[in-house]
N, C-alpha and C. Protein backbone atom coordinates (compact mmCIF):
# COMPACT_ATOMS: atom_id res chain seq x y z
N UNK A 1 -5.73 0.10 -14.17
CA UNK A 1 -4.87 1.26 -14.27
C UNK A 1 -4.50 1.71 -12.86
N UNK A 2 -3.23 1.92 -12.64
CA UNK A 2 -2.74 2.39 -11.35
C UNK A 2 -2.28 3.82 -11.51
N UNK A 3 -2.81 4.70 -10.64
CA UNK A 3 -2.44 6.11 -10.69
C UNK A 3 -1.87 6.53 -9.34
N UNK A 4 -1.09 7.59 -9.38
CA UNK A 4 -0.42 8.09 -8.18
C UNK A 4 -0.66 9.59 -8.06
N UNK A 5 -1.05 10.02 -6.86
CA UNK A 5 -1.22 11.43 -6.55
C UNK A 5 -0.28 11.78 -5.40
N UNK A 6 0.32 12.94 -5.49
CA UNK A 6 1.32 13.35 -4.51
C UNK A 6 0.85 14.56 -3.72
N UNK A 7 0.65 14.35 -2.43
CA UNK A 7 0.26 15.43 -1.54
C UNK A 7 1.33 15.62 -0.46
N UNK A 8 2.50 15.06 -0.71
CA UNK A 8 3.64 15.18 0.19
C UNK A 8 4.72 15.96 -0.54
N UNK A 9 5.04 17.15 -0.05
CA UNK A 9 6.01 18.01 -0.76
C UNK A 9 7.36 17.32 -0.98
N UNK A 10 7.82 17.38 -2.21
CA UNK A 10 9.14 16.86 -2.56
C UNK A 10 9.20 15.36 -2.79
N UNK A 11 8.08 14.66 -2.68
CA UNK A 11 8.10 13.22 -2.91
C UNK A 11 7.41 12.88 -4.22
N UNK A 12 8.06 12.02 -4.99
CA UNK A 12 7.46 11.48 -6.21
C UNK A 12 8.17 10.17 -6.52
N UNK A 13 7.41 9.14 -6.87
CA UNK A 13 8.02 7.88 -7.28
C UNK A 13 8.88 8.14 -8.51
N UNK A 14 10.09 7.63 -8.49
CA UNK A 14 10.99 7.89 -9.62
C UNK A 14 10.62 7.08 -10.86
N UNK A 15 10.00 5.93 -10.66
CA UNK A 15 9.67 5.07 -11.79
C UNK A 15 8.24 4.56 -11.68
N UNK A 16 7.28 5.45 -11.85
CA UNK A 16 5.87 5.08 -11.73
C UNK A 16 5.49 3.86 -12.59
N UNK A 17 5.88 3.82 -13.87
CA UNK A 17 5.48 2.66 -14.68
C UNK A 17 5.99 1.33 -14.12
N UNK A 18 7.20 1.33 -13.60
CA UNK A 18 7.78 0.12 -13.03
C UNK A 18 6.95 -0.35 -11.84
N UNK A 19 6.58 0.57 -10.96
CA UNK A 19 5.77 0.21 -9.80
C UNK A 19 4.38 -0.25 -10.23
N UNK A 20 3.80 0.42 -11.20
CA UNK A 20 2.49 0.03 -11.69
C UNK A 20 2.49 -1.37 -12.25
N UNK A 21 3.50 -1.70 -13.05
CA UNK A 21 3.63 -3.03 -13.63
C UNK A 21 3.79 -4.07 -12.53
N UNK A 22 4.63 -3.78 -11.55
CA UNK A 22 4.87 -4.69 -10.44
C UNK A 22 3.58 -4.96 -9.66
N UNK A 23 2.86 -3.92 -9.32
CA UNK A 23 1.64 -4.07 -8.51
C UNK A 23 0.56 -4.81 -9.29
N UNK A 24 0.47 -4.57 -10.60
CA UNK A 24 -0.47 -5.33 -11.42
C UNK A 24 -0.11 -6.81 -11.41
N UNK A 25 1.18 -7.11 -11.50
CA UNK A 25 1.60 -8.51 -11.51
C UNK A 25 1.28 -9.20 -10.18
N UNK A 26 1.34 -8.46 -9.07
CA UNK A 26 0.97 -9.04 -7.78
C UNK A 26 -0.50 -9.43 -7.79
N UNK A 27 -1.35 -8.53 -8.27
CA UNK A 27 -2.79 -8.84 -8.34
C UNK A 27 -3.05 -10.06 -9.22
N UNK A 28 -2.39 -10.11 -10.36
CA UNK A 28 -2.58 -11.23 -11.28
C UNK A 28 -2.09 -12.53 -10.67
N UNK A 29 -0.94 -12.51 -9.98
CA UNK A 29 -0.42 -13.72 -9.34
C UNK A 29 -1.35 -14.20 -8.23
N UNK A 30 -2.11 -13.29 -7.66
CA UNK A 30 -3.09 -13.65 -6.63
C UNK A 30 -4.42 -14.08 -7.24
N UNK A 31 -4.51 -14.07 -8.57
CA UNK A 31 -5.71 -14.55 -9.25
C UNK A 31 -6.77 -13.49 -9.48
N UNK A 32 -6.37 -12.23 -9.48
CA UNK A 32 -7.32 -11.13 -9.65
C UNK A 32 -7.03 -10.34 -10.92
N UNK A 33 -8.02 -9.60 -11.35
CA UNK A 33 -7.90 -8.73 -12.52
C UNK A 33 -7.66 -7.31 -12.01
N UNK A 34 -6.54 -6.70 -12.40
CA UNK A 34 -6.28 -5.33 -11.96
C UNK A 34 -7.29 -4.35 -12.56
N UNK A 35 -7.92 -3.60 -11.70
CA UNK A 35 -8.82 -2.53 -12.12
C UNK A 35 -8.17 -1.20 -11.80
N UNK A 36 -8.96 -0.24 -11.41
CA UNK A 36 -8.43 1.08 -11.08
C UNK A 36 -7.98 1.12 -9.62
N UNK A 37 -6.70 1.41 -9.44
CA UNK A 37 -6.13 1.57 -8.11
C UNK A 37 -5.53 2.97 -8.07
N UNK A 38 -5.87 3.70 -7.05
CA UNK A 38 -5.36 5.06 -6.92
C UNK A 38 -4.60 5.18 -5.60
N UNK A 39 -3.31 5.48 -5.71
CA UNK A 39 -2.46 5.71 -4.55
C UNK A 39 -2.37 7.21 -4.29
N UNK A 40 -2.45 7.59 -3.02
CA UNK A 40 -2.26 8.97 -2.60
C UNK A 40 -1.15 8.97 -1.55
N UNK A 41 -0.07 9.68 -1.86
CA UNK A 41 1.05 9.82 -0.93
C UNK A 41 0.88 11.13 -0.18
N UNK A 42 0.87 11.05 1.15
CA UNK A 42 0.55 12.22 1.96
C UNK A 42 1.41 12.25 3.22
N UNK A 43 1.10 13.18 4.12
CA UNK A 43 1.81 13.25 5.39
C UNK A 43 0.92 12.70 6.51
N UNK A 44 1.48 12.67 7.72
CA UNK A 44 0.76 12.12 8.86
C UNK A 44 -0.57 12.81 9.13
N UNK A 45 -0.58 14.14 9.08
CA UNK A 45 -1.81 14.86 9.43
C UNK A 45 -2.93 14.59 8.42
N UNK A 46 -2.60 14.49 7.16
CA UNK A 46 -3.58 14.19 6.11
C UNK A 46 -4.20 12.81 6.35
N UNK A 47 -3.33 11.82 6.63
CA UNK A 47 -3.82 10.46 6.83
C UNK A 47 -4.56 10.32 8.17
N UNK A 48 -4.14 11.07 9.17
CA UNK A 48 -4.84 11.03 10.46
C UNK A 48 -6.28 11.51 10.31
N UNK A 49 -6.49 12.54 9.52
CA UNK A 49 -7.86 13.03 9.28
C UNK A 49 -8.72 11.95 8.63
N UNK A 50 -8.16 11.24 7.67
CA UNK A 50 -8.90 10.16 7.01
C UNK A 50 -9.18 9.05 8.02
N UNK A 51 -8.19 8.71 8.83
CA UNK A 51 -8.32 7.67 9.84
C UNK A 51 -9.44 8.01 10.83
N UNK A 52 -9.49 9.25 11.25
CA UNK A 52 -10.53 9.68 12.19
C UNK A 52 -11.90 9.74 11.53
N UNK A 53 -11.96 10.31 10.35
CA UNK A 53 -13.24 10.52 9.68
C UNK A 53 -13.91 9.22 9.25
N UNK A 54 -13.15 8.32 8.65
CA UNK A 54 -13.74 7.12 8.06
C UNK A 54 -13.64 5.87 8.92
N UNK A 55 -12.64 5.81 9.78
CA UNK A 55 -12.43 4.59 10.56
C UNK A 55 -12.60 4.81 12.07
N UNK A 56 -12.78 6.06 12.49
CA UNK A 56 -12.91 6.42 13.90
C UNK A 56 -11.70 5.96 14.71
N UNK A 57 -10.52 5.99 14.08
CA UNK A 57 -9.26 5.70 14.76
C UNK A 57 -8.55 7.03 14.97
N UNK A 58 -7.87 7.15 16.08
CA UNK A 58 -7.26 8.44 16.42
C UNK A 58 -5.75 8.33 16.59
N UNK A 59 -5.15 7.54 15.73
CA UNK A 59 -3.70 7.39 15.79
C UNK A 59 -3.12 7.42 14.37
N UNK A 60 -1.80 7.61 14.34
CA UNK A 60 -1.10 7.63 13.06
C UNK A 60 -0.99 6.21 12.52
N UNK A 61 -0.97 6.10 11.21
CA UNK A 61 -0.78 4.83 10.54
C UNK A 61 -0.02 5.08 9.25
N UNK A 62 0.59 4.03 8.71
CA UNK A 62 1.35 4.21 7.47
C UNK A 62 0.48 4.07 6.24
N UNK A 63 -0.65 3.34 6.36
CA UNK A 63 -1.47 3.07 5.19
C UNK A 63 -2.92 2.87 5.57
N UNK A 64 -3.79 3.36 4.72
CA UNK A 64 -5.22 3.07 4.81
C UNK A 64 -5.67 2.68 3.41
N UNK A 65 -6.40 1.57 3.35
CA UNK A 65 -6.85 1.03 2.07
C UNK A 65 -8.36 0.95 2.05
N UNK A 66 -8.94 1.46 0.98
CA UNK A 66 -10.39 1.39 0.79
C UNK A 66 -10.66 0.59 -0.49
N UNK A 67 -11.38 -0.51 -0.34
CA UNK A 67 -11.78 -1.28 -1.51
C UNK A 67 -13.00 -0.63 -2.14
N UNK A 68 -12.96 -0.48 -3.45
CA UNK A 68 -14.08 0.07 -4.21
C UNK A 68 -14.61 -0.94 -5.22
N UNK A 69 -14.20 -2.20 -5.04
CA UNK A 69 -14.58 -3.24 -6.00
C UNK A 69 -16.05 -3.57 -5.91
N UNK A 70 -16.64 -3.72 -7.08
CA UNK A 70 -18.03 -4.15 -7.17
C UNK A 70 -18.10 -5.59 -7.66
N UNK A 71 -16.97 -6.10 -8.09
CA UNK A 71 -16.86 -7.48 -8.58
C UNK A 71 -15.83 -8.19 -7.71
N UNK A 72 -16.08 -9.45 -7.36
CA UNK A 72 -15.14 -10.15 -6.48
C UNK A 72 -13.77 -10.43 -7.10
N UNK A 73 -13.66 -10.38 -8.41
CA UNK A 73 -12.38 -10.70 -9.05
C UNK A 73 -11.65 -9.49 -9.62
N UNK A 74 -12.31 -8.34 -9.71
CA UNK A 74 -11.66 -7.14 -10.24
C UNK A 74 -11.28 -6.24 -9.06
N UNK A 75 -10.01 -5.89 -9.00
CA UNK A 75 -9.48 -5.10 -7.90
C UNK A 75 -9.63 -3.61 -8.21
N UNK A 76 -10.31 -2.90 -7.34
CA UNK A 76 -10.44 -1.43 -7.43
C UNK A 76 -10.31 -0.87 -6.03
N UNK A 77 -9.63 0.26 -5.91
CA UNK A 77 -9.53 0.84 -4.59
C UNK A 77 -8.68 2.08 -4.53
N UNK A 78 -8.70 2.67 -3.34
CA UNK A 78 -7.84 3.82 -3.02
C UNK A 78 -6.94 3.44 -1.87
N UNK A 79 -5.69 3.81 -2.00
CA UNK A 79 -4.68 3.49 -1.00
C UNK A 79 -3.97 4.78 -0.62
N UNK A 80 -4.05 5.13 0.66
CA UNK A 80 -3.41 6.34 1.18
C UNK A 80 -2.19 5.92 1.98
N UNK A 81 -1.05 6.54 1.68
CA UNK A 81 0.21 6.18 2.34
C UNK A 81 0.84 7.44 2.94
N UNK A 82 1.18 7.35 4.24
CA UNK A 82 1.89 8.45 4.90
C UNK A 82 3.39 8.28 4.69
N UNK A 83 3.98 9.19 3.97
CA UNK A 83 5.43 9.15 3.75
C UNK A 83 6.16 9.37 5.07
N UNK A 84 5.59 10.16 5.98
CA UNK A 84 6.20 10.35 7.31
C UNK A 84 6.35 9.02 8.02
N UNK A 85 5.30 8.19 7.99
CA UNK A 85 5.33 6.87 8.67
C UNK A 85 6.30 5.93 7.96
N UNK A 86 6.31 5.96 6.63
CA UNK A 86 7.22 5.08 5.89
C UNK A 86 8.67 5.42 6.26
N UNK A 87 8.98 6.71 6.33
CA UNK A 87 10.35 7.12 6.72
C UNK A 87 10.69 6.64 8.12
N UNK A 88 9.75 6.83 9.05
CA UNK A 88 10.01 6.42 10.44
C UNK A 88 10.13 4.90 10.54
N UNK A 89 9.26 4.17 9.85
CA UNK A 89 9.34 2.71 9.88
C UNK A 89 10.65 2.21 9.29
N UNK A 90 11.12 2.86 8.25
CA UNK A 90 12.40 2.47 7.65
C UNK A 90 13.53 2.65 8.67
N UNK A 91 13.50 3.74 9.42
CA UNK A 91 14.51 3.96 10.46
C UNK A 91 14.41 2.91 11.56
N UNK A 92 13.19 2.68 12.04
CA UNK A 92 12.98 1.71 13.12
C UNK A 92 13.43 0.32 12.69
N UNK A 93 13.10 -0.07 11.47
CA UNK A 93 13.44 -1.40 10.96
C UNK A 93 14.83 -1.48 10.34
N UNK A 94 15.54 -0.36 10.38
CA UNK A 94 16.88 -0.27 9.78
C UNK A 94 16.87 -0.80 8.35
N UNK A 95 15.90 -0.31 7.60
CA UNK A 95 15.73 -0.71 6.20
C UNK A 95 15.83 0.53 5.32
N UNK A 96 16.22 0.36 4.07
CA UNK A 96 16.21 1.50 3.15
C UNK A 96 14.77 2.00 2.95
N UNK A 97 14.63 3.30 2.78
CA UNK A 97 13.32 3.89 2.56
C UNK A 97 12.59 3.20 1.40
N UNK A 98 13.29 2.94 0.30
CA UNK A 98 12.68 2.34 -0.89
C UNK A 98 12.11 0.96 -0.58
N UNK A 99 12.79 0.18 0.26
CA UNK A 99 12.29 -1.15 0.63
C UNK A 99 11.03 -1.04 1.47
N UNK A 100 11.04 -0.11 2.42
CA UNK A 100 9.86 0.07 3.26
C UNK A 100 8.69 0.59 2.43
N UNK A 101 8.97 1.47 1.48
CA UNK A 101 7.92 1.98 0.61
C UNK A 101 7.32 0.84 -0.23
N UNK A 102 8.17 -0.01 -0.78
CA UNK A 102 7.69 -1.14 -1.57
C UNK A 102 6.81 -2.05 -0.72
N UNK A 103 7.22 -2.26 0.53
CA UNK A 103 6.44 -3.10 1.44
C UNK A 103 5.04 -2.52 1.64
N UNK A 104 4.96 -1.21 1.85
CA UNK A 104 3.66 -0.58 2.09
C UNK A 104 2.82 -0.56 0.80
N UNK A 105 3.45 -0.32 -0.33
CA UNK A 105 2.72 -0.35 -1.61
C UNK A 105 2.05 -1.71 -1.83
N UNK A 106 2.80 -2.78 -1.61
CA UNK A 106 2.24 -4.12 -1.83
C UNK A 106 1.26 -4.48 -0.72
N UNK A 107 1.48 -3.98 0.47
CA UNK A 107 0.57 -4.22 1.60
C UNK A 107 -0.85 -3.77 1.23
N UNK A 108 -0.95 -2.60 0.63
CA UNK A 108 -2.25 -2.09 0.21
C UNK A 108 -2.92 -3.00 -0.81
N UNK A 109 -2.17 -3.46 -1.79
CA UNK A 109 -2.72 -4.36 -2.80
C UNK A 109 -3.17 -5.67 -2.15
N UNK A 110 -2.38 -6.17 -1.21
CA UNK A 110 -2.75 -7.42 -0.54
C UNK A 110 -4.07 -7.26 0.23
N UNK A 111 -4.27 -6.10 0.83
CA UNK A 111 -5.57 -5.85 1.46
C UNK A 111 -6.69 -5.90 0.41
N UNK A 112 -6.46 -5.28 -0.72
CA UNK A 112 -7.50 -5.23 -1.76
C UNK A 112 -7.84 -6.60 -2.33
N UNK A 113 -6.90 -7.53 -2.29
CA UNK A 113 -7.19 -8.88 -2.80
C UNK A 113 -7.66 -9.82 -1.69
N UNK A 114 -7.86 -9.28 -0.48
CA UNK A 114 -8.51 -10.08 0.55
C UNK A 114 -7.72 -10.44 1.78
N UNK A 115 -6.46 -10.07 1.86
CA UNK A 115 -5.68 -10.38 3.05
C UNK A 115 -5.95 -9.34 4.14
N UNK A 116 -5.99 -9.81 5.38
CA UNK A 116 -6.17 -8.92 6.53
C UNK A 116 -4.98 -9.06 7.46
N UNK A 117 -4.93 -8.18 8.45
CA UNK A 117 -3.84 -8.24 9.42
C UNK A 117 -4.34 -7.91 10.83
N UNK A 118 -5.49 -8.48 11.17
CA UNK A 118 -6.07 -8.22 12.49
C UNK A 118 -5.53 -9.19 13.54
N UNK A 119 -5.39 -10.45 13.19
CA UNK A 119 -4.88 -11.44 14.14
C UNK A 119 -3.40 -11.68 13.90
N UNK A 120 -2.76 -12.36 14.84
CA UNK A 120 -1.34 -12.67 14.69
C UNK A 120 -1.11 -13.56 13.47
N UNK A 121 -1.97 -14.53 13.26
CA UNK A 121 -1.82 -15.42 12.09
C UNK A 121 -1.97 -14.64 10.79
N UNK A 122 -2.94 -13.72 10.74
CA UNK A 122 -3.12 -12.89 9.54
C UNK A 122 -1.92 -11.98 9.31
N UNK A 123 -1.38 -11.44 10.39
CA UNK A 123 -0.19 -10.59 10.27
C UNK A 123 0.99 -11.37 9.71
N UNK A 124 1.16 -12.60 10.18
CA UNK A 124 2.25 -13.44 9.69
C UNK A 124 2.07 -13.77 8.21
N UNK A 125 0.83 -14.07 7.81
CA UNK A 125 0.56 -14.35 6.40
C UNK A 125 0.81 -13.12 5.54
N UNK A 126 0.36 -11.96 6.02
CA UNK A 126 0.57 -10.71 5.29
C UNK A 126 2.07 -10.43 5.13
N UNK A 127 2.83 -10.59 6.19
CA UNK A 127 4.28 -10.34 6.13
C UNK A 127 4.95 -11.33 5.18
N UNK A 128 4.51 -12.55 5.20
CA UNK A 128 5.06 -13.56 4.29
C UNK A 128 4.80 -13.18 2.83
N UNK A 129 3.58 -12.75 2.55
CA UNK A 129 3.23 -12.32 1.18
C UNK A 129 4.04 -11.08 0.79
N UNK A 130 4.16 -10.12 1.71
CA UNK A 130 4.97 -8.93 1.43
C UNK A 130 6.39 -9.33 1.07
N UNK A 131 6.98 -10.19 1.89
CA UNK A 131 8.36 -10.62 1.65
C UNK A 131 8.50 -11.33 0.31
N UNK A 132 7.50 -12.11 -0.05
CA UNK A 132 7.53 -12.82 -1.33
C UNK A 132 7.50 -11.84 -2.50
N UNK A 133 6.59 -10.87 -2.44
CA UNK A 133 6.42 -9.96 -3.56
C UNK A 133 7.38 -8.79 -3.59
N UNK A 134 7.98 -8.47 -2.46
CA UNK A 134 8.82 -7.27 -2.41
C UNK A 134 10.06 -7.40 -3.30
N UNK A 135 10.45 -8.60 -3.62
CA UNK A 135 11.63 -8.75 -4.49
C UNK A 135 11.32 -8.40 -5.93
N UNK A 136 10.05 -8.37 -6.31
CA UNK A 136 9.71 -8.13 -7.71
C UNK A 136 10.11 -6.75 -8.23
N UNK A 137 10.06 -5.65 -7.42
CA UNK A 137 10.45 -4.36 -7.99
C UNK A 137 11.90 -4.33 -8.47
N UNK A 138 12.74 -5.16 -7.86
CA UNK A 138 14.15 -5.18 -8.26
C UNK A 138 14.34 -5.84 -9.62
N UNK A 139 13.38 -6.62 -10.04
CA UNK A 139 13.52 -7.34 -11.32
C UNK A 139 13.20 -6.46 -12.50
């Protein structure tokens, strides 16, 4: 089950069921069983506090993902997304906000199924997977 919480004023996914179905299909295509995934949409200051408290990082980020899985094949977790960062990244990348949002949504799921982005090779693999799956919301 995928749930969404909104802590960013004026923001709400227009088609929650569509996004939920899409994200579940990504997990299944990666060979995992979708469990409980909770997305929290927030602002920079909210996510910065989480970044400092739990990761000891002191900078802004667009997403933080926490795996809560107790089984290696069932995906469970919390994903926090800064709408401020998504908006800025969309401007920087000259992409529509919705495309950048889809990229970040799937990025969190990819982390939960085991992909990392610490090295250059991992970043390239993550971007490749994002690009592959990002077309699915349009379908």
